[in-house]
C-alpha atoms as a PDB file:
ATOM      1  CA  MET A   1      -1.096 -25.112  -9.621  1.00  0.00           C
ATOM      2  CA  LEU A   2      -3.221 -26.734 -12.347  1.00  0.00           C
ATOM      3  CA  GLU A   3      -5.979 -24.137 -12.020  1.00  0.00           C
ATOM      4  CA  ALA A   4      -3.367 -21.373 -12.242  1.00  0.00           C
ATOM      5  CA  ALA A   5      -1.917 -22.948 -15.386  1.00  0.00           C
ATOM      6  CA  VAL A   6      -5.311 -23.018 -17.124  1.00  0.00           C
ATOM      7  CA  ALA A   7      -6.032 -19.427 -16.083  1.00  0.00           C
ATOM      8  CA  CYS A   8      -2.641 -18.249 -17.397  1.00  0.00           C
ATOM      9  CA  LEU A   9      -3.075 -20.115 -20.663  1.00  0.00           C
ATOM     10  CA  ALA A  10      -6.563 -18.675 -21.159  1.00  0.00           C
ATOM     11  CA  GLU A  11      -5.424 -15.130 -20.317  1.00  0.00           C
ATOM     12  CA  HIS A  12      -1.917 -14.968 -21.791  1.00  0.00           C
ATOM     13  CA  GLY A  13      -1.829 -17.659 -24.470  1.00  0.00           C
ATOM     14  CA  TRP A  14       0.944 -20.183 -24.988  1.00  0.00           C
ATOM     15  CA  SER A  15       3.757 -17.688 -25.522  1.00  0.00           C
ATOM     16  CA  GLY A  16       2.877 -15.709 -22.384  1.00  0.00           C
ATOM     17  CA  SER A  17       2.412 -18.727 -20.136  1.00  0.00           C
ATOM     18  CA  THR A  18       5.638 -20.004 -18.690  1.00  0.00           C
ATOM     19  CA  VAL A  19       6.259 -22.262 -15.722  1.00  0.00           C
ATOM     20  CA  THR A  20       7.564 -19.200 -13.843  1.00  0.00           C
ATOM     21  CA  VAL A  21       4.383 -17.186 -14.527  1.00  0.00           C
ATOM     22  CA  VAL A  22       2.193 -20.088 -13.406  1.00  0.00           C
ATOM     23  CA  ALA A  23       4.290 -20.740 -10.295  1.00  0.00           C
ATOM     24  CA  GLU A  24       3.998 -17.085  -9.293  1.00  0.00           C
ATOM     25  CA  ARG A  25       0.244 -17.115  -9.809  1.00  0.00           C
ATOM     26  CA  ALA A  26      -0.090 -20.333  -7.796  1.00  0.00           C
ATOM     27  CA  GLY A  27       2.103 -18.990  -5.014  1.00  0.00           C
ATOM     28  CA  VAL A  28       4.785 -21.674  -5.300  1.00  0.00           C
ATOM     29  CA  SER A  29       8.439 -21.591  -6.263  1.00  0.00           C
ATOM     30  CA  ARG A  30       9.532 -22.364  -9.815  1.00  0.00           C
ATOM     31  CA  GLY A  31      11.543 -25.275  -8.408  1.00  0.00           C
ATOM     32  CA  ALA A  32       8.475 -26.754  -6.718  1.00  0.00           C
ATOM     33  CA  ALA A  33       6.534 -26.407  -9.953  1.00  0.00           C
ATOM     34  CA  GLN A  34       9.266 -28.130 -11.953  1.00  0.00           C
ATOM     35  CA  HIS A  35       9.541 -30.881  -9.358  1.00  0.00           C
ATOM     36  CA  HIS A  36       5.943 -31.885 -10.115  1.00  0.00           C
ATOM     37  CA  PHE A  37       5.969 -30.922 -13.802  1.00  0.00           C
ATOM     38  CA  PRO A  38       9.456 -31.275 -15.331  1.00  0.00           C
ATOM     39  CA  THR A  39       8.479 -29.605 -18.610  1.00  0.00           C
ATOM     40  CA  ARG A  40       6.150 -26.845 -19.683  1.00  0.00           C
ATOM     41  CA  GLU A  41       4.239 -29.381 -21.794  1.00  0.00           C
ATOM     42  CA  ASP A  42       3.781 -31.625 -18.725  1.00  0.00           C
ATOM     43  CA  LEU A  43       2.309 -28.743 -16.752  1.00  0.00           C
ATOM     44  CA  PHE A  44      -0.128 -27.472 -19.353  1.00  0.00           C
ATOM     45  CA  THR A  45      -1.360 -30.814 -20.621  1.00  0.00           C
ATOM     46  CA  ALA A  46      -1.935 -31.950 -17.013  1.00  0.00           C
ATOM     47  CA  ALA A  47      -3.755 -28.706 -16.289  1.00  0.00           C
ATOM     48  CA  VAL A  48      -6.127 -29.017 -19.234  1.00  0.00           C
ATOM     49  CA  GLU A  49      -6.807 -32.675 -18.376  1.00  0.00           C
ATOM     50  CA  HIS A  50      -7.498 -31.780 -14.745  1.00  0.00           C
ATOM     51  CA  VAL A  51      -9.963 -29.035 -15.555  1.00  0.00           C
ATOM     52  CA  ALA A  52     -11.641 -31.149 -18.262  1.00  0.00           C
ATOM     53  CA  GLU A  53     -12.231 -33.876 -15.676  1.00  0.00           C
ATOM     54  CA  LYS A  54     -13.686 -31.337 -13.234  1.00  0.00           C
ATOM     55  CA  ARG A  55     -15.997 -30.000 -15.938  1.00  0.00           C
ATOM     56  CA  SER A  56     -17.100 -33.536 -16.821  1.00  0.00           C
ATOM     57  CA  GLY A  57     -17.959 -34.092 -13.171  1.00  0.00           C
ATOM     58  CA  ALA A  58     -19.989 -30.895 -13.102  1.00  0.00           C
ATOM     59  CA  LEU A  59     -21.792 -31.977 -16.275  1.00  0.00           C
ATOM     60  CA  ARG A  60     -22.636 -35.334 -14.674  1.00  0.00           C
ATOM     61  CA  ALA A  61     -24.008 -33.474 -11.643  1.00  0.00           C
ATOM     62  CA  VAL A  62     -26.463 -31.664 -13.946  1.00  0.00           C
ATOM     63  CA  THR A  63     -28.347 -34.943 -14.385  1.00  0.00           C
ATOM     64  CA  ARG A  64     -29.681 -34.676 -10.835  1.00  0.00           C
ATOM     65  CA  SER A  65     -31.591 -31.469 -11.559  1.00  0.00           C
ATOM     66  CA  LEU A  66     -32.786 -31.974 -15.132  1.00  0.00           C
ATOM     67  CA  PRO A  67     -36.405 -31.479 -16.163  1.00  0.00           C
ATOM     68  CA  PRO A  68     -38.305 -34.714 -16.941  1.00  0.00           C
ATOM     69  CA  PRO A  69     -37.155 -36.954 -19.826  1.00  0.00           C
ATOM     70  CA  GLY A  70     -38.796 -36.235 -23.156  1.00  0.00           C
ATOM     71  CA  SER A  71     -39.284 -32.515 -22.477  1.00  0.00           C
ATOM     72  CA  VAL A  72     -37.883 -29.734 -24.633  1.00  0.00           C
ATOM     73  CA  ALA A  73     -36.859 -28.007 -21.401  1.00  0.00           C
ATOM     74  CA  ARG A  74     -34.607 -30.959 -20.530  1.00  0.00           C
ATOM     75  CA  THR A  75     -32.983 -30.952 -23.958  1.00  0.00           C
ATOM     76  CA  TRP A  76     -32.508 -27.178 -23.780  1.00  0.00           C
ATOM     77  CA  VAL A  77     -30.677 -27.459 -20.423  1.00  0.00           C
ATOM     78  CA  ILE A  78     -28.454 -30.242 -21.800  1.00  0.00           C
ATOM     79  CA  VAL A  79     -27.603 -28.298 -24.967  1.00  0.00           C
ATOM     80  CA  GLU A  80     -26.894 -25.178 -22.907  1.00  0.00           C
ATOM     81  CA  GLU A  81     -24.575 -27.107 -20.568  1.00  0.00           C
ATOM     82  CA  LEU A  82     -22.714 -28.657 -23.491  1.00  0.00           C
ATOM     83  CA  VAL A  83     -22.312 -25.265 -25.161  1.00  0.00           C
ATOM     84  CA  ASP A  84     -20.996 -23.903 -21.860  1.00  0.00           C
ATOM     85  CA  LEU A  85     -18.160 -26.450 -22.092  1.00  0.00           C
ATOM     86  CA  TYR A  86     -16.902 -24.533 -25.125  1.00  0.00           C
ATOM     87  CA  THR A  87     -17.448 -20.947 -24.021  1.00  0.00           C
ATOM     88  CA  GLY A  88     -15.437 -20.852 -20.809  1.00  0.00           C
ATOM     89  CA  PRO A  89     -11.792 -20.482 -19.837  1.00  0.00           C
ATOM     90  CA  LEU A  90     -11.079 -24.207 -20.242  1.00  0.00           C
ATOM     91  CA  PHE A  91     -11.922 -24.067 -23.933  1.00  0.00           C
ATOM     92  CA  ARG A  92      -9.884 -20.876 -24.339  1.00  0.00           C
ATOM     93  CA  ALA A  93      -6.919 -22.600 -22.665  1.00  0.00           C
ATOM     94  CA  ALA A  94      -7.364 -25.776 -24.706  1.00  0.00           C
ATOM     95  CA  LEU A  95      -7.478 -23.725 -27.890  1.00  0.00           C
ATOM     96  CA  GLN A  96      -4.156 -22.115 -26.986  1.00  0.00           C
ATOM     97  CA  LEU A  97      -2.702 -25.606 -26.595  1.00  0.00           C
ATOM     98  CA  TRP A  98      -4.137 -26.665 -29.979  1.00  0.00           C
ATOM     99  CA  VAL A  99      -2.519 -23.710 -31.712  1.00  0.00           C
ATOM    100  CA  ALA A 100       0.838 -24.328 -30.023  1.00  0.00           C
ATOM    101  CA  ALA A 101       0.553 -28.060 -30.795  1.00  0.00           C
ATOM    102  CA  SER A 102       0.108 -27.323 -34.474  1.00  0.00           C
ATOM    103  CA  HIS A 103       3.745 -26.145 -34.469  1.00  0.00           C
ATOM    104  CA  GLU A 104       5.342 -28.401 -31.831  1.00  0.00           C
ATOM    105  CA  GLU A 105       5.386 -32.144 -32.550  1.00  0.00           C
ATOM    106  CA  GLU A 106       5.826 -33.393 -28.962  1.00  0.00           C
ATOM    107  CA  LEU A 107       3.010 -31.179 -27.714  1.00  0.00           C
ATOM    108  CA  ARG A 108       0.852 -32.228 -30.692  1.00  0.00           C
ATOM    109  CA  ARG A 109       1.180 -35.899 -29.761  1.00  0.00           C
ATOM    110  CA  ARG A 110       0.024 -35.175 -26.214  1.00  0.00           C
ATOM    111  CA  VAL A 111      -2.791 -32.821 -27.168  1.00  0.00           C
ATOM    112  CA  VAL A 112      -4.185 -35.203 -29.798  1.00  0.00           C
ATOM    113  CA  ALA A 113      -4.325 -37.983 -27.188  1.00  0.00           C
ATOM    114  CA  ILE A 114      -6.022 -35.733 -24.606  1.00  0.00           C
ATOM    115  CA  GLU A 115      -8.514 -34.342 -27.101  1.00  0.00           C
ATOM    116  CA  ALA A 116      -9.420 -37.809 -28.380  1.00  0.00           C
ATOM    117  CA  ARG A 117     -10.132 -38.990 -24.841  1.00  0.00           C
ATOM    118  CA  VAL A 118     -12.007 -35.823 -23.821  1.00  0.00           C
ATOM    119  CA  GLY A 119     -13.959 -35.863 -27.098  1.00  0.00           C
ATOM    120  CA  ARG A 120     -15.051 -39.486 -26.602  1.00  0.00           C
ATOM    121  CA  GLU A 121     -16.062 -38.791 -23.010  1.00  0.00           C
ATOM    122  CA  THR A 122     -18.003 -35.657 -23.947  1.00  0.00           C
ATOM    123  CA  HIS A 123     -19.789 -37.514 -26.750  1.00  0.00           C
ATOM    124  CA  ARG A 124     -20.615 -40.404 -24.407  1.00  0.00           C
ATOM    125  CA  MET A 125     -21.983 -38.008 -21.781  1.00  0.00           C
ATOM    126  CA  ALA A 126     -24.054 -36.160 -24.377  1.00  0.00           C
ATOM    127  CA  VAL A 127     -25.569 -39.449 -25.564  1.00  0.00           C
ATOM    128  CA  GLU A 128     -26.316 -40.457 -21.985  1.00  0.00           C
ATOM    129  CA  LEU A 129     -27.804 -37.092 -20.997  1.00  0.00           C
ATOM    130  CA  LEU A 130     -29.946 -36.914 -24.126  1.00  0.00           C
ATOM    131  CA  GLY A 131     -31.028 -40.547 -23.881  1.00  0.00           C
ATOM    132  CA  ALA A 132     -29.976 -40.891 -27.522  1.00  0.00           C
ATOM    133  CA  ASP A 133     -30.185 -44.287 -29.184  1.00  0.00           C
ATOM    134  CA  GLU A 134     -27.107 -44.437 -31.388  1.00  0.00           C
ATOM    135  CA  SER A 135     -28.258 -47.675 -32.987  1.00  0.00           C
ATOM    136  CA  ARG A 136     -30.719 -45.558 -34.983  1.00  0.00           C
ATOM    137  CA  PRO A 137     -29.319 -44.182 -38.273  1.00  0.00           C
ATOM    138  CA  GLY A 138     -28.130 -40.595 -38.034  1.00  0.00           C
ATOM    139  CA  VAL A 139     -28.323 -40.281 -34.247  1.00  0.00           C
ATOM    140  CA  ARG A 140     -24.573 -40.537 -33.652  1.00  0.00           C
ATOM    141  CA  GLU A 141     -23.971 -37.876 -36.313  1.00  0.00           C
ATOM    142  CA  THR A 142     -26.674 -35.649 -34.826  1.00  0.00           C
ATOM    143  CA  VAL A 143     -25.064 -35.776 -31.383  1.00  0.00           C
ATOM    144  CA  GLN A 144     -21.634 -35.134 -32.906  1.00  0.00           C
ATOM    145  CA  GLY A 145     -23.145 -32.228 -34.866  1.00  0.00           C
ATOM    146  CA  LEU A 146     -24.341 -30.768 -31.560  1.00  0.00           C
ATOM    147  CA  LEU A 147     -20.810 -30.947 -30.136  1.00  0.00           C
ATOM    148  CA  ASP A 148     -19.308 -29.482 -33.317  1.00  0.00           C
ATOM    149  CA  MET A 149     -21.858 -26.663 -33.224  1.00  0.00           C
ATOM    150  CA  ALA A 150     -21.032 -26.018 -29.562  1.00  0.00           C
ATOM    151  CA  ARG A 151     -17.324 -25.845 -30.423  1.00  0.00           C
ATOM    152  CA  GLY A 152     -18.115 -23.347 -33.194  1.00  0.00           C
ATOM    153  CA  LEU A 153     -20.063 -21.177 -30.762  1.00  0.00           C
ATOM    154  CA  GLY A 154     -17.067 -21.356 -28.441  1.00  0.00           C
ATOM    155  CA  LEU A 155     -14.780 -20.138 -31.206  1.00  0.00           C
ATOM    156  CA  ALA A 156     -17.135 -17.253 -31.997  1.00  0.00           C
ATOM    157  CA  ASN A 157     -17.199 -16.369 -28.294  1.00  0.00           C
ATOM    158  CA  LEU A 158     -13.421 -15.840 -28.289  1.00  0.00           C
ATOM    159  CA  LEU A 159     -13.758 -12.561 -30.152  1.00  0.00           C
ATOM    160  CA  THR A 160     -17.104 -11.229 -28.957  1.00  0.00           C
ATOM    161  CA  ASP A 161     -19.653 -12.270 -26.376  1.00  0.00           C
ATOM    162  CA  ASP A 162     -22.694 -12.924 -28.521  1.00  0.00           C
ATOM    163  CA  LYS A 163     -24.853 -14.448 -25.798  1.00  0.00           C
ATOM    164  CA  PRO A 164     -28.246 -13.380 -27.240  1.00  0.00           C
ATOM    165  CA  ARG A 165     -27.482 -15.079 -30.581  1.00  0.00           C
ATOM    166  CA  ARG A 166     -25.973 -18.083 -28.817  1.00  0.00           C
ATOM    167  CA  ASP A 167     -29.120 -18.449 -26.683  1.00  0.00           C
ATOM    168  CA  ARG A 168     -31.294 -18.485 -29.817  1.00  0.00           C
ATOM    169  CA  VAL A 169     -29.055 -21.137 -31.414  1.00  0.00           C
ATOM    170  CA  VAL A 170     -29.208 -23.265 -28.252  1.00  0.00           C
ATOM    171  CA  GLU A 171     -33.001 -23.008 -28.191  1.00  0.00           C
ATOM    172  CA  GLN A 172     -33.245 -24.011 -31.858  1.00  0.00           C
ATOM    173  CA  TRP A 173     -30.825 -26.928 -31.433  1.00  0.00           C
ATOM    174  CA  ALA A 174     -32.878 -28.195 -28.495  1.00  0.00           C
ATOM    175  CA  ARG A 175     -35.939 -28.318 -30.769  1.00  0.00           C
ATOM    176  CA  VAL A 176     -33.963 -29.951 -33.592  1.00  0.00           C
ATOM    177  CA  LEU A 177     -32.544 -32.563 -31.225  1.00  0.00           C
ATOM    178  CA  ASP A 178     -35.922 -33.351 -29.711  1.00  0.00           C
ATOM    179  CA  GLU A 179     -37.288 -33.966 -33.170  1.00  0.00           C
ATOM    180  CA  ALA A 180     -34.275 -35.919 -34.432  1.00  0.00           C
ATOM    181  CA  LEU A 181     -33.798 -38.084 -31.343  1.00  0.00           C
ATOM    182  CA  THR A 182     -37.434 -38.949 -30.642  1.00  0.00           C
ATOM    183  CA  PRO A 183     -38.153 -42.449 -31.961  1.00  0.00           C
ATOM    184  CA  GLU A 184     -40.888 -42.495 -34.542  1.00  0.00           C
ATOM    185  CA  ALA A 185     -44.141 -44.016 -33.366  1.00  0.00           C
END
């Protein structure tokens, strides 16, 4: 049900994604859907949270197959994985929620809370994956800049798939991060 909700939101936007549409896609009755999720907001916020948690788990799994610490190849893989967070259907679905939340106060309250939690977790994972020392001046801002840049690439990807340009940006950011995060001798 939650996967169907994210897919509907990504494909049809907020206005085209109703509990009925999601229930049909998930192969359950509308009544069963409303039993578990009494409101539309309950369904879609739970769906985005669920998929965000799955994506975080997948990102953690990347650590098992990373190139050695201190290599540009490792940083490149990490940057690419973080950018992928913002170029897939989850980001597209989350963006639909953001837009709807900008006009609906109850939904806004929920989305702000989810995004704050997901943002903190993503930042924490980025720091961990990169081995970044946030006690050094500018490191926290550099990592946050990476996440902001990734979000911007995700926004650009909504209109056109510009993978060749995105790949060049990822490669450059990996070099920038290696330089910025390497402690000076």
